[in-house]
Amino acid sequence: MSSIRFEQVTRIFERRGGSYKALEPLSLTIVDQEFIAIVGPSGCGKTTLLRMAAGLDFPTSGRVFVGDKPILGPGPDRAVVFQQFALFPWKTVCENIAFGLRCRRAPKEQRQELVAKFVRLMGLEDHEDSYPHQLSGGMQQRVGIARAYAVEPGVLLMDEPFGALDAQTRAEMQEELIRVRRVQPCTVLFITHSVEEAAYLADRVVVMTGRPGRIREVVDVASIRAAEGWNRSPIEEVMGLESFVRIRSQLWRLLRHNKPISEPPVLPDAGLLGLREAS
């Protein structure tokens, strides 16, 4: 099982002349193969939560788990995709995708099979021997996502992965991510500043308050997406639906009136939302 569980985590950063609290006590459970998007104002702790899940940062108090195991550092069960493409400029597309597999010392035949699979899945045919500087931004991010998926992680952590892309390429990558998840489901924690992106991609959207960060509300999207078949429609059609506009407006209202709250909200039980694997 690849659930992620934050148990009463706080984060205080030391700085010259004192310290500041980035996160108030916060609890959140992301169930196995669920897609959670986190939105909130800059500095509210979104990326800090993702880094804790990746094992790149640790709570000042509280604990973070993947499955039943506390996170003590980075692990092969988790892969991270950053906004910066973070590709090796001296490696080809195939060599970049194979990097994690080489680190795991996967047999050559297995590496070749998995690289070929994700080259096809991400639409990178005819670019296998290209170097990053020969690719567009969208193609580079496809390589980054393929590299993350190639190690077959239980958890995929994505920190504004499409933030540097133009609007058209960003929409195309959002559709690609929906499509890839149907073929290769995993648990996803996705950080974004875009309420449209969060509403389109996520099963649940977590809205955070300003610093110190705390969960203001969790908005269920999965039930509406399943009922109206969003995954089978082009993104421009989904964004024109009344149900999508309603969710987007709800998220915007929560963000526009985003002030710290005195008590943490009661989070909905993911198990009661009837979440299913991406279909």
Protein backbone atom coordinates (compact mmCIF):
# COMPACT_ATOMS: atom_id res chain seq x y z
CA MET A 1 0.00 0.00 0.00
CA SER A 2 1.29 3.46 -0.93
CA SER A 3 -0.83 5.76 1.18
CA ILE A 4 0.72 8.93 2.62
CA ARG A 5 -0.13 10.01 6.14
CA PHE A 6 0.78 13.27 7.86
CA GLU A 7 0.19 13.06 11.61
CA GLN A 8 0.08 16.41 13.41
CA VAL A 9 3.13 17.72 11.57
CA THR A 10 4.55 21.16 12.26
CA ARG A 11 7.57 22.87 10.71
CA ILE A 12 9.54 25.70 12.26
CA PHE A 13 12.47 27.18 10.33
CA GLU A 14 15.35 28.87 12.08
CA ARG A 15 16.67 32.10 10.63
CA ARG A 16 18.89 34.94 11.69
CA GLY A 17 17.33 36.75 14.62
CA GLY A 18 14.75 34.08 15.43
CA SER A 19 12.48 31.57 13.76
CA TYR A 20 9.18 31.34 11.93
CA LYS A 21 6.47 28.72 11.85
CA ALA A 22 5.72 27.45 8.33
CA LEU A 23 3.13 24.84 9.32
CA GLU A 24 0.67 24.60 12.19
CA PRO A 25 -0.22 21.08 13.41
CA LEU A 26 -1.60 19.42 10.29
CA SER A 27 -2.99 15.94 9.63
CA LEU A 28 -3.88 14.51 6.23
CA THR A 29 -4.24 11.02 4.76
CA ILE A 30 -3.86 10.34 1.04
CA VAL A 31 -5.18 6.87 0.28
CA ASP A 32 -3.51 4.38 -2.04
CA GLN A 33 -3.71 5.50 -5.72
CA GLU A 34 -5.47 8.75 -4.84
CA PHE A 35 -4.54 12.01 -6.56
CA ILE A 36 -4.36 14.93 -4.11
CA ALA A 37 -3.65 18.50 -5.23
CA ILE A 38 -2.65 21.17 -2.73
CA VAL A 39 -3.34 24.85 -3.41
CA GLY A 40 -2.74 27.88 -1.25
CA PRO A 41 -0.94 31.22 -1.08
CA SER A 42 2.83 31.44 -1.47
CA GLY A 43 4.64 30.50 1.72
CA CYS A 44 1.82 28.40 3.17
CA GLY A 45 3.93 25.22 3.32
CA LYS A 46 2.77 23.34 0.21
CA THR A 47 6.26 22.46 -0.98
CA THR A 48 7.38 21.78 2.60
CA LEU A 49 4.73 19.05 2.84
CA LEU A 50 5.89 17.53 -0.44
CA ARG A 51 9.53 17.60 0.67
CA MET A 52 8.54 15.83 3.88
CA ALA A 53 6.80 13.12 1.86
CA ALA A 54 9.94 12.82 -0.29
CA GLY A 55 12.20 12.51 2.76
CA LEU A 56 14.05 15.72 1.81
CA ASP A 57 12.81 17.62 4.87
CA PHE A 58 11.46 16.59 8.26
CA PRO A 59 8.76 17.91 10.59
CA THR A 60 9.70 19.80 13.72
CA SER A 61 7.05 17.71 15.43
CA GLY A 62 4.70 14.99 14.23
CA ARG A 63 5.36 12.15 11.80
CA VAL A 64 4.95 11.31 8.11
CA PHE A 65 4.30 7.78 6.83
CA VAL A 66 4.20 5.99 3.49
CA GLY A 67 2.03 2.97 4.10
CA ASP A 68 2.85 1.89 7.64
CA LYS A 69 6.50 2.98 7.50
CA PRO A 70 7.70 6.32 8.87
CA ILE A 71 9.64 8.39 6.34
CA LEU A 72 13.30 8.61 7.37
CA GLY A 73 14.70 9.84 4.05
CA PRO A 74 14.33 9.42 0.28
CA GLY A 75 13.33 5.96 -0.88
CA PRO A 76 12.79 3.94 -4.07
CA ASP A 77 9.05 3.82 -3.39
CA ARG A 78 8.79 7.58 -4.13
CA ALA A 79 9.66 9.63 -7.21
CA VAL A 80 9.75 13.43 -7.47
CA VAL A 81 9.07 15.69 -10.46
CA PHE A 82 10.07 19.33 -9.98
CA GLN A 83 9.09 22.47 -11.88
CA GLN A 84 12.65 22.70 -13.18
CA PHE A 85 13.15 19.89 -15.66
CA ALA A 86 16.27 18.62 -13.82
CA LEU A 87 17.48 16.52 -16.75
CA PHE A 88 21.12 15.64 -17.27
CA PRO A 89 22.18 17.78 -20.26
CA TRP A 90 24.87 15.33 -21.34
CA LYS A 91 22.45 12.37 -21.46
CA THR A 92 19.99 11.49 -24.22
CA VAL A 93 16.26 11.05 -23.67
CA CYS A 94 16.66 7.29 -23.17
CA GLU A 95 19.67 7.73 -20.90
CA ASN A 96 17.80 10.24 -18.74
CA ILE A 97 14.78 7.93 -18.43
CA ALA A 98 17.05 5.00 -17.56
CA PHE A 99 18.96 6.90 -14.85
CA GLY A 100 16.89 5.74 -11.87
CA LEU A 101 16.88 2.19 -13.17
CA ARG A 102 20.67 2.23 -13.40
CA CYS A 103 20.88 3.50 -9.83
CA ARG A 104 18.79 0.51 -8.81
CA ARG A 105 21.08 -1.74 -10.85
CA ALA A 106 18.19 -3.08 -12.88
CA PRO A 107 19.31 -5.63 -15.50
CA LYS A 108 20.03 -4.17 -18.94
CA GLU A 109 17.16 -6.04 -20.59
CA GLN A 110 14.68 -4.75 -17.99
CA ARG A 111 15.99 -1.20 -18.40
CA GLN A 112 15.57 -1.32 -22.15
CA GLU A 113 12.05 -2.71 -21.84
CA LEU A 114 10.91 -0.07 -19.34
CA VAL A 115 12.54 2.81 -21.20
CA ALA A 116 10.86 1.72 -24.44
CA LYS A 117 7.52 1.46 -22.63
CA PHE A 118 7.65 5.01 -21.27
CA VAL A 119 9.05 6.49 -24.46
CA ARG A 120 5.89 5.21 -26.15
CA LEU A 121 3.61 6.17 -23.26
CA MET A 122 4.87 9.76 -23.15
CA GLY A 123 4.92 10.22 -26.92
CA LEU A 124 8.71 10.53 -27.17
CA GLU A 125 9.19 8.34 -30.22
CA ASP A 126 11.76 9.75 -32.67
CA HIS A 127 13.42 11.64 -29.81
CA GLU A 128 15.17 8.74 -28.08
CA ASP A 129 18.66 9.97 -29.01
CA SER A 130 17.96 13.69 -28.55
CA TYR A 131 19.61 15.76 -25.82
CA PRO A 132 17.58 18.06 -23.53
CA HIS A 133 18.69 21.25 -25.32
CA GLN A 134 17.20 19.84 -28.52
CA LEU A 135 13.74 19.49 -26.94
CA SER A 136 10.94 21.94 -26.17
CA GLY A 137 9.99 22.61 -22.55
CA GLY A 138 6.97 20.31 -22.83
CA MET A 139 9.07 17.50 -24.27
CA GLN A 140 11.65 17.92 -21.51
CA GLN A 141 8.96 17.62 -18.87
CA ARG A 142 7.65 14.50 -20.60
CA VAL A 143 11.13 13.02 -20.16
CA GLY A 144 11.11 13.99 -16.47
CA ILE A 145 7.74 12.33 -15.92
CA ALA A 146 8.83 9.24 -17.88
CA ARG A 147 11.97 9.00 -15.72
CA ALA A 148 9.83 9.18 -12.55
CA TYR A 149 7.36 6.55 -13.77
CA ALA A 150 10.07 4.22 -15.09
CA VAL A 151 11.14 3.25 -11.56
CA GLU A 152 7.51 2.21 -10.95
CA PRO A 153 7.06 4.20 -7.73
CA GLY A 154 4.15 3.70 -5.41
CA VAL A 155 4.10 7.46 -4.81
CA LEU A 156 4.64 10.27 -7.32
CA LEU A 157 5.39 13.72 -5.84
CA MET A 158 4.98 16.63 -8.26
CA ASP A 159 5.95 20.20 -7.32
CA GLU A 160 4.36 22.57 -9.85
CA PRO A 161 5.61 20.37 -12.71
CA PHE A 162 3.84 22.38 -15.43
CA GLY A 163 4.41 25.85 -13.99
CA ALA A 164 7.13 26.78 -16.51
CA LEU A 165 5.13 25.74 -19.58
CA ASP A 166 3.03 27.89 -21.89
CA ALA A 167 -0.76 27.60 -21.59
CA GLN A 168 -1.28 25.24 -24.54
CA THR A 169 1.56 22.90 -23.59
CA ARG A 170 0.40 22.94 -19.97
CA ALA A 171 -3.11 21.82 -20.99
CA GLU A 172 -1.64 19.06 -23.15
CA MET A 173 0.54 17.85 -20.27
CA GLN A 174 -2.45 17.80 -17.93
CA GLU A 175 -4.30 15.56 -20.39
CA GLU A 176 -1.19 13.38 -20.72
CA LEU A 177 -0.97 12.94 -16.96
CA ILE A 178 -4.62 11.83 -16.81
CA ARG A 179 -3.95 9.34 -19.61
CA VAL A 180 -0.74 7.96 -18.07
CA ARG A 181 -2.44 7.43 -14.71
CA ARG A 182 -4.99 5.16 -16.37
CA VAL A 183 -2.16 2.93 -17.55
CA GLN A 184 0.19 3.31 -14.56
CA PRO A 185 -1.84 4.19 -11.44
CA CYS A 186 -0.03 5.37 -8.32
CA THR A 187 -0.55 7.74 -5.40
CA VAL A 188 0.04 11.37 -6.42
CA LEU A 189 0.71 14.45 -4.31
CA PHE A 190 0.59 17.46 -6.64
CA ILE A 191 1.47 21.06 -5.73
CA THR A 192 0.07 23.85 -7.89
CA HIS A 193 -0.92 27.52 -7.84
CA SER A 194 -3.61 26.91 -10.47
CA VAL A 195 -7.12 26.18 -9.20
CA GLU A 196 -8.13 25.07 -12.72
CA GLU A 197 -5.30 22.55 -12.82
CA ALA A 198 -6.13 21.27 -9.34
CA ALA A 199 -9.83 20.87 -10.14
CA TYR A 200 -9.13 19.08 -13.43
CA LEU A 201 -6.52 16.62 -12.15
CA ALA A 202 -7.26 15.83 -8.51
CA ASP A 203 -9.56 13.45 -6.68
CA ARG A 204 -9.51 15.88 -3.76
CA VAL A 205 -8.17 19.42 -3.56
CA VAL A 206 -6.63 20.56 -0.28
CA VAL A 207 -6.92 24.33 0.25
CA MET A 208 -4.42 25.76 2.74
CA THR A 209 -4.43 29.01 4.71
CA GLY A 210 -1.65 31.56 4.64
CA ARG A 211 1.43 31.10 6.81
CA PRO A 212 1.54 29.41 9.17
CA GLY A 213 -0.04 26.84 6.87
CA ARG A 214 -3.06 24.88 7.95
CA ILE A 215 -5.74 22.99 6.02
CA ARG A 216 -8.73 25.24 5.48
CA GLU A 217 -10.93 22.86 3.52
CA VAL A 218 -10.78 19.69 1.43
CA VAL A 219 -12.92 19.67 -1.73
CA ASP A 220 -14.05 16.37 -3.26
CA VAL A 221 -13.82 16.23 -7.05
CA ALA A 222 -13.62 12.47 -7.68
CA SER A 223 -17.35 11.78 -7.36
CA ILE A 224 -18.28 14.51 -9.85
CA ARG A 225 -15.54 13.49 -12.29
CA ALA A 226 -16.71 9.88 -12.22
CA ALA A 227 -20.38 10.79 -12.62
CA GLU A 228 -19.77 13.08 -15.61
CA GLY A 229 -16.87 11.20 -17.24
CA TRP A 230 -14.36 14.05 -17.20
CA ASN A 231 -11.47 11.66 -17.92
CA ARG A 232 -12.97 10.77 -21.28
CA SER A 233 -13.44 14.36 -22.50
CA PRO A 234 -10.99 16.97 -23.85
CA ILE A 235 -9.85 19.46 -21.25
CA GLU A 236 -11.55 22.42 -22.97
CA GLU A 237 -14.90 20.64 -22.79
CA VAL A 238 -14.45 19.76 -19.12
CA MET A 239 -13.60 23.35 -18.23
CA GLY A 240 -16.84 24.51 -19.83
CA LEU A 241 -19.03 22.21 -17.75
CA GLU A 242 -21.23 23.78 -15.10
CA SER A 243 -19.91 21.33 -12.49
CA PHE A 244 -16.29 22.28 -13.23
CA VAL A 245 -17.06 26.00 -13.11
CA ARG A 246 -18.80 25.49 -9.76
CA ILE A 247 -15.79 23.69 -8.23
CA ARG A 248 -13.36 26.25 -9.64
CA SER A 249 -15.45 29.07 -8.16
CA GLN A 250 -15.57 27.31 -4.79
CA LEU A 251 -11.78 26.99 -4.75
CA TRP A 252 -11.32 30.63 -5.73
CA ARG A 253 -13.66 31.77 -2.94
CA LEU A 254 -11.72 29.74 -0.40
CA LEU A 255 -8.43 31.24 -1.56
CA ARG A 256 -9.67 34.85 -1.81
CA HIS A 257 -10.97 34.76 1.74
CA ASN A 258 -7.96 32.81 2.92
CA LYS A 259 -7.29 33.87 6.50
CA PRO A 260 -5.84 31.71 9.27
CA ILE A 261 -8.52 29.82 11.17
CA SER A 262 -8.59 29.15 14.89
CA GLU A 263 -9.32 25.43 14.81
CA PRO A 264 -8.30 22.75 12.29
CA PRO A 265 -11.23 21.55 10.16
CA VAL A 266 -12.56 18.01 10.28
CA LEU A 267 -11.24 16.30 7.15
CA PRO A 268 -13.54 14.01 5.18
CA ASP A 269 -12.65 10.35 5.38
CA ALA A 270 -11.22 9.39 1.98
CA GLY A 271 -12.57 5.89 2.39
CA LEU A 272 -16.13 7.27 2.53
CA LEU A 273 -15.75 9.20 -0.71
CA GLY A 274 -15.92 6.03 -2.78
CA LEU A 275 -12.56 6.70 -4.47
CA ARG A 276 -11.54 4.26 -7.14
CA GLU A 277 -8.48 3.75 -9.25
CA ALA A 278 -8.17 6.21 -12.12
CA SER A 279 -10.34 4.98 -14.96
